[in-house]
């Protein structure tokens, strides 16, 4: 008892200090726990967990693609009388017939289509003090001018160029080469030409067709050829391997004629 009376102040101070230390230790754990809780709330609010999106419904897209593969064809030309009423014309013998069914460019018949070639041939080779020179035959069957369609000879040495080709190289003896390499000016393609095997390339087409109502036949028509029939001037505006396109000069309307050999 005496001890307590004598040292009660120290004992009381020790109890207070112990309590303060306990409070400080508790505060450390409390602050850490509160910080962790706040960070968890911030994460859930700012970066919430992503939810899987529902699968997209592509059935309408699939239906549209299926319809595109088998489109509905609306013919507003051949049998439609609202947008294209029948036009009647008088034939040479005075009869009235429906245009586009009995007369007109649609009933013209293509009878033949002939390819037109660019042909290049190694004709000869000569050597002299100036070096070797070569004669290359050039035939442009599709040229617009008739004078340029006949075979012409070009005298060239290795490296020479003209409006049609460049002589790139000579294979074999210079005075009697096995072949020559030629670079074409229009396409940049390099081709081989020999004496026995000329180079041939389709450069265009020539067509024959007939127009039965007037018993007219047009032969060797090229692009740009004038072909008058059915009281109209038509121009051959395009020729392909399996078709001919005629253009009406009065209204620039084009008509494609198929060719089925």
Protein backbone atom coordinates (compact mmCIF):
# COMPACT_ATOMS: atom_id res chain seq x y z
CA UNK A 1 0.00 0.00 0.00
CA UNK A 2 2.82 2.24 0.95
CA UNK A 3 4.36 1.54 -2.44
CA UNK A 4 1.17 2.58 -4.19
CA UNK A 5 0.85 5.78 -2.21
CA UNK A 6 4.46 6.59 -2.84
CA UNK A 7 4.51 5.78 -6.59
CA UNK A 8 0.89 6.21 -7.71
CA UNK A 9 1.74 9.15 -9.97
CA UNK A 10 4.33 7.12 -11.82
CA UNK A 11 1.95 4.18 -12.10
CA UNK A 12 -0.83 6.46 -13.42
CA UNK A 13 1.56 8.05 -15.92
CA UNK A 14 2.67 4.58 -17.11
CA UNK A 15 -0.95 3.51 -17.62
CA UNK A 16 -1.63 6.68 -19.67
CA UNK A 17 1.49 6.17 -21.77
CA UNK A 18 0.58 2.53 -22.39
CA UNK A 19 -2.87 3.62 -23.45
CA UNK A 20 -1.42 6.21 -25.84
CA UNK A 21 0.91 3.63 -27.35
CA UNK A 22 -2.03 1.25 -27.83
CA UNK A 23 -4.04 4.02 -29.51
CA UNK A 24 -1.11 4.80 -31.86
CA UNK A 25 -0.73 1.15 -32.80
CA UNK A 26 -4.49 0.88 -33.41
CA UNK A 27 -4.42 4.03 -35.55
CA UNK A 28 -1.69 2.53 -37.76
CA UNK A 29 -3.81 -0.54 -38.50
CA UNK A 30 -6.98 1.55 -38.86
CA UNK A 31 -5.35 3.97 -41.35
CA UNK A 32 -3.96 1.08 -43.43
CA UNK A 33 -7.35 -0.64 -43.48
CA UNK A 34 -9.15 2.60 -44.37
CA UNK A 35 -6.67 3.33 -47.16
CA UNK A 36 -7.15 -0.14 -48.60
CA UNK A 37 -10.93 0.28 -48.43
CA UNK A 38 -10.78 3.65 -50.21
CA UNK A 39 -8.53 2.28 -52.93
CA UNK A 40 -10.97 -0.58 -53.47
CA UNK A 41 -13.89 1.83 -53.76
CA UNK A 42 -11.94 4.06 -56.20
CA UNK A 43 -11.05 1.05 -58.35
CA UNK A 44 -14.65 -0.16 -58.45
CA UNK A 45 -15.91 3.30 -59.41
CA UNK A 46 -13.22 4.33 -61.93
CA UNK A 47 -12.40 0.96 -63.47
CA UNK A 48 -15.42 -1.24 -62.88
CA UNK A 49 -15.05 -4.85 -64.00
CA UNK A 50 -15.93 -5.25 -67.68
CA UNK A 51 -19.10 -7.10 -68.48
CA UNK A 52 -19.23 -9.39 -71.51
CA UNK A 53 -21.29 -7.87 -74.30
CA UNK A 54 -24.17 -9.92 -75.64
CA UNK A 55 -23.58 -11.61 -78.99
CA UNK A 56 -24.50 -9.45 -81.96
CA UNK A 57 -27.54 -10.43 -83.95
CA UNK A 58 -26.26 -10.76 -87.53
CA UNK A 59 -29.32 -12.52 -88.89
CA UNK A 60 -30.51 -9.41 -90.76
CA UNK A 61 -27.07 -8.99 -92.34
CA UNK A 62 -27.06 -12.60 -93.43
CA UNK A 63 -30.52 -12.21 -94.95
CA UNK A 64 -29.36 -9.10 -96.85
CA UNK A 65 -26.28 -10.89 -98.19
CA UNK A 66 -28.44 -13.80 -99.34
CA UNK A 67 -30.74 -11.41 -101.19
CA UNK A 68 -27.77 -9.70 -102.84
CA UNK A 69 -26.56 -13.03 -104.21
CA UNK A 70 -29.90 -13.51 -105.99
CA UNK A 71 -31.02 -9.98 -106.87
CA UNK A 72 -34.41 -9.27 -108.32
CA UNK A 73 -34.18 -8.19 -111.93
CA UNK A 74 -36.57 -5.43 -112.95
CA UNK A 75 -36.84 -5.14 -116.72
CA UNK A 76 -37.82 -1.58 -117.60
CA UNK A 77 -36.63 -1.79 -121.19
CA UNK A 78 -37.86 -4.63 -123.34
CA UNK A 79 -41.50 -5.10 -122.35
CA UNK A 80 -42.27 -2.07 -120.21
CA UNK A 81 -44.80 0.29 -121.78
CA UNK A 82 -44.75 3.03 -119.12
CA UNK A 83 -41.11 4.05 -119.27
CA UNK A 84 -40.41 2.68 -122.76
CA UNK A 85 -43.53 2.72 -124.94
CA UNK A 86 -43.20 0.88 -128.20
CA UNK A 87 -41.93 3.00 -131.07
CA UNK A 88 -43.28 2.26 -134.52
CA UNK A 89 -41.22 2.95 -137.63
CA UNK A 90 -41.80 2.57 -141.35
CA UNK A 91 -39.64 0.11 -143.26
CA UNK A 92 -38.24 0.66 -146.73
CA UNK A 93 -41.24 -1.12 -148.28
CA UNK A 94 -43.72 1.09 -146.36
CA UNK A 95 -44.72 -1.34 -143.60
CA UNK A 96 -45.08 -0.20 -139.95
CA UNK A 97 -43.16 -2.40 -137.50
CA UNK A 98 -42.15 -2.15 -133.85
CA UNK A 99 -38.72 -0.66 -133.41
CA UNK A 100 -36.16 -2.77 -131.49
CA UNK A 101 -38.09 -5.95 -132.30
CA UNK A 102 -38.28 -5.97 -136.09
CA UNK A 103 -35.86 -3.19 -136.99
CA UNK A 104 -33.05 -1.29 -135.33
CA UNK A 105 -29.50 -2.08 -134.24
CA UNK A 106 -30.56 -4.78 -131.77
CA UNK A 107 -31.40 -7.24 -134.54
CA UNK A 108 -28.08 -6.82 -136.36
CA UNK A 109 -26.15 -10.10 -136.34
CA UNK A 110 -22.38 -10.37 -135.87
CA UNK A 111 -21.15 -13.05 -138.27
CA UNK A 112 -17.40 -12.99 -137.63
CA UNK A 113 -14.72 -11.39 -135.45
CA UNK A 114 -11.09 -11.55 -136.56
CA UNK A 115 -8.15 -10.74 -134.27
CA UNK A 116 -5.65 -8.12 -135.46
CA UNK A 117 -2.05 -8.72 -134.47
CA UNK A 118 1.17 -6.89 -133.85
CA UNK A 119 3.72 -9.14 -135.61
CA UNK A 120 7.49 -8.72 -135.23
CA UNK A 121 10.00 -10.83 -137.17
CA UNK A 122 13.78 -11.08 -137.31
CA UNK A 123 14.37 -10.67 -141.04
CA UNK A 124 18.16 -10.52 -141.41
CA UNK A 125 21.47 -9.51 -139.86
CA UNK A 126 24.45 -7.74 -141.47
CA UNK A 127 27.89 -6.81 -140.16
CA UNK A 128 30.32 -4.16 -141.36
CA UNK A 129 33.00 -1.86 -139.96
CA UNK A 130 30.32 0.07 -138.02
CA UNK A 131 29.14 -3.11 -136.29
CA UNK A 132 26.19 -5.46 -136.61
CA UNK A 133 22.80 -4.23 -137.77
CA UNK A 134 19.54 -6.13 -137.79
CA UNK A 135 16.37 -5.86 -139.83
CA UNK A 136 13.19 -6.31 -137.76
CA UNK A 137 9.89 -6.61 -139.61
CA UNK A 138 6.97 -4.83 -137.88
CA UNK A 139 3.36 -5.40 -138.93
CA UNK A 140 0.63 -3.42 -137.10
CA UNK A 141 -2.63 -4.90 -138.34
CA UNK A 142 -4.72 -2.77 -135.94
CA UNK A 143 -3.19 0.57 -136.92
CA UNK A 144 -5.76 3.30 -137.71
CA UNK A 145 -4.05 4.24 -140.96
CA UNK A 146 -4.03 1.62 -143.77
CA UNK A 147 -0.50 2.70 -144.74
CA UNK A 148 0.78 1.65 -141.31
CA UNK A 149 -0.84 -1.78 -141.43
CA UNK A 150 1.55 -3.21 -144.01
CA UNK A 151 4.77 -4.84 -142.89
CA UNK A 152 7.60 -2.33 -142.44
CA UNK A 153 11.28 -2.98 -141.85
CA UNK A 154 13.24 -1.34 -139.04
CA UNK A 155 17.08 -1.24 -139.23
CA UNK A 156 18.53 -1.23 -135.72
CA UNK A 157 21.67 -2.03 -133.78
CA UNK A 158 21.85 -3.24 -130.21
CA UNK A 159 20.51 -0.50 -127.92
CA UNK A 160 18.63 1.39 -130.66
CA UNK A 161 15.02 2.34 -130.01
CA UNK A 162 12.08 3.59 -132.08
CA UNK A 163 8.37 4.27 -131.55
CA UNK A 164 7.63 0.53 -131.41
CA UNK A 165 10.51 -1.23 -129.66
CA UNK A 166 14.08 -1.19 -128.32
CA UNK A 167 16.62 -3.82 -129.36
CA UNK A 168 17.86 -4.94 -125.92
CA UNK A 169 20.18 -7.86 -126.67
CA UNK A 170 21.35 -10.32 -129.31
CA UNK A 171 21.61 -14.03 -128.50
CA UNK A 172 24.22 -15.99 -130.49
CA UNK A 173 26.75 -14.88 -133.08
CA UNK A 174 26.24 -11.21 -134.05
CA UNK A 175 26.33 -12.01 -137.77
CA UNK A 176 23.88 -14.93 -137.42
CA UNK A 177 21.99 -14.62 -134.12
CA UNK A 178 19.75 -17.32 -132.74
CA UNK A 179 17.30 -14.69 -131.46
CA UNK A 180 17.03 -11.08 -130.36
CA UNK A 181 15.46 -9.60 -127.23
CA UNK A 182 13.09 -6.71 -127.89
CA UNK A 183 11.46 -4.38 -125.36
CA UNK A 184 8.04 -3.13 -126.48
CA UNK A 185 7.56 0.62 -126.15
CA UNK A 186 3.87 0.57 -125.17
CA UNK A 187 3.91 -2.13 -122.47
CA UNK A 188 7.58 -2.35 -121.45
CA UNK A 189 7.45 -6.12 -121.99
CA UNK A 190 10.61 -7.86 -123.18
CA UNK A 191 10.00 -10.54 -125.83
CA UNK A 192 12.12 -12.96 -127.85
CA UNK A 193 12.05 -12.87 -131.66
CA UNK A 194 13.66 -15.44 -133.96
CA UNK A 195 13.73 -16.00 -137.70
CA UNK A 196 11.41 -18.99 -137.49
CA UNK A 197 9.14 -17.81 -134.66
CA UNK A 198 7.83 -14.24 -134.93
CA UNK A 199 6.32 -12.47 -131.96
CA UNK A 200 2.52 -12.10 -132.21
CA UNK A 201 0.20 -10.12 -129.93
CA UNK A 202 -3.51 -9.34 -130.34
CA UNK A 203 -3.84 -5.57 -130.66
CA UNK A 204 -7.48 -5.34 -131.70
CA UNK A 205 -10.30 -6.96 -133.63
CA UNK A 206 -12.12 -6.65 -136.95
CA UNK A 207 -15.77 -7.64 -137.29
CA UNK A 208 -18.38 -8.58 -139.91
CA UNK A 209 -22.10 -8.17 -139.28
CA UNK A 210 -25.33 -8.02 -141.27
CA UNK A 211 -28.65 -6.19 -141.03
CA UNK A 212 -31.32 -8.45 -142.49
CA UNK A 213 -34.30 -6.02 -142.87
CA UNK A 214 -32.32 -4.06 -145.46
CA UNK A 215 -30.22 -7.03 -146.64
CA UNK A 216 -27.02 -5.14 -145.83
CA UNK A 217 -23.73 -6.73 -144.86
CA UNK A 218 -20.74 -4.91 -143.39
CA UNK A 219 -17.32 -6.57 -143.71
CA UNK A 220 -13.92 -5.87 -142.15
CA UNK A 221 -15.32 -3.25 -139.77
CA UNK A 222 -12.82 -1.69 -137.40
CA UNK A 223 -13.26 0.72 -134.50
CA UNK A 224 -14.45 3.98 -136.06
CA UNK A 225 -16.04 2.40 -139.14
CA UNK A 226 -19.29 4.10 -140.25
CA UNK A 227 -22.14 1.64 -140.85
CA UNK A 228 -25.37 3.32 -142.05
CA UNK A 229 -28.58 1.31 -141.82
CA UNK A 230 -32.16 1.75 -140.58
CA UNK A 231 -32.00 5.41 -141.75
CA UNK A 232 -29.34 6.05 -139.08
CA UNK A 233 -25.57 6.47 -139.04
CA UNK A 234 -23.91 4.04 -136.66
CA UNK A 235 -20.24 3.98 -135.72
CA UNK A 236 -18.41 0.86 -134.57
CA UNK A 237 -17.16 2.19 -131.24
CA UNK A 238 -15.74 -1.01 -129.72
CA UNK A 239 -14.91 -4.57 -130.76
CA UNK A 240 -14.06 -7.34 -128.36
CA UNK A 241 -13.38 -11.03 -128.72
CA UNK A 242 -17.10 -11.82 -128.39
CA UNK A 243 -19.01 -8.59 -128.98
CA UNK A 244 -19.40 -5.47 -131.11
CA UNK A 245 -20.63 -2.09 -129.83
CA UNK A 246 -22.49 0.24 -132.21
CA UNK A 247 -23.05 3.91 -131.35
CA UNK A 248 -25.97 5.86 -132.78
CA UNK A 249 -24.51 9.14 -134.03
CA UNK A 250 -27.80 11.02 -133.48
CA UNK A 251 -28.05 10.40 -129.72
CA UNK A 252 -24.83 8.53 -128.78
CA UNK A 253 -26.85 5.52 -127.62
CA UNK A 254 -24.74 2.36 -127.56
CA UNK A 255 -25.94 -1.09 -128.57
CA UNK A 256 -23.91 -4.21 -127.80
CA UNK A 257 -24.16 -7.08 -130.27
CA UNK A 258 -22.98 -10.49 -129.00
CA UNK A 259 -20.98 -12.87 -131.14
CA UNK A 260 -21.47 -16.60 -130.73
CA UNK A 261 -19.37 -18.49 -133.28
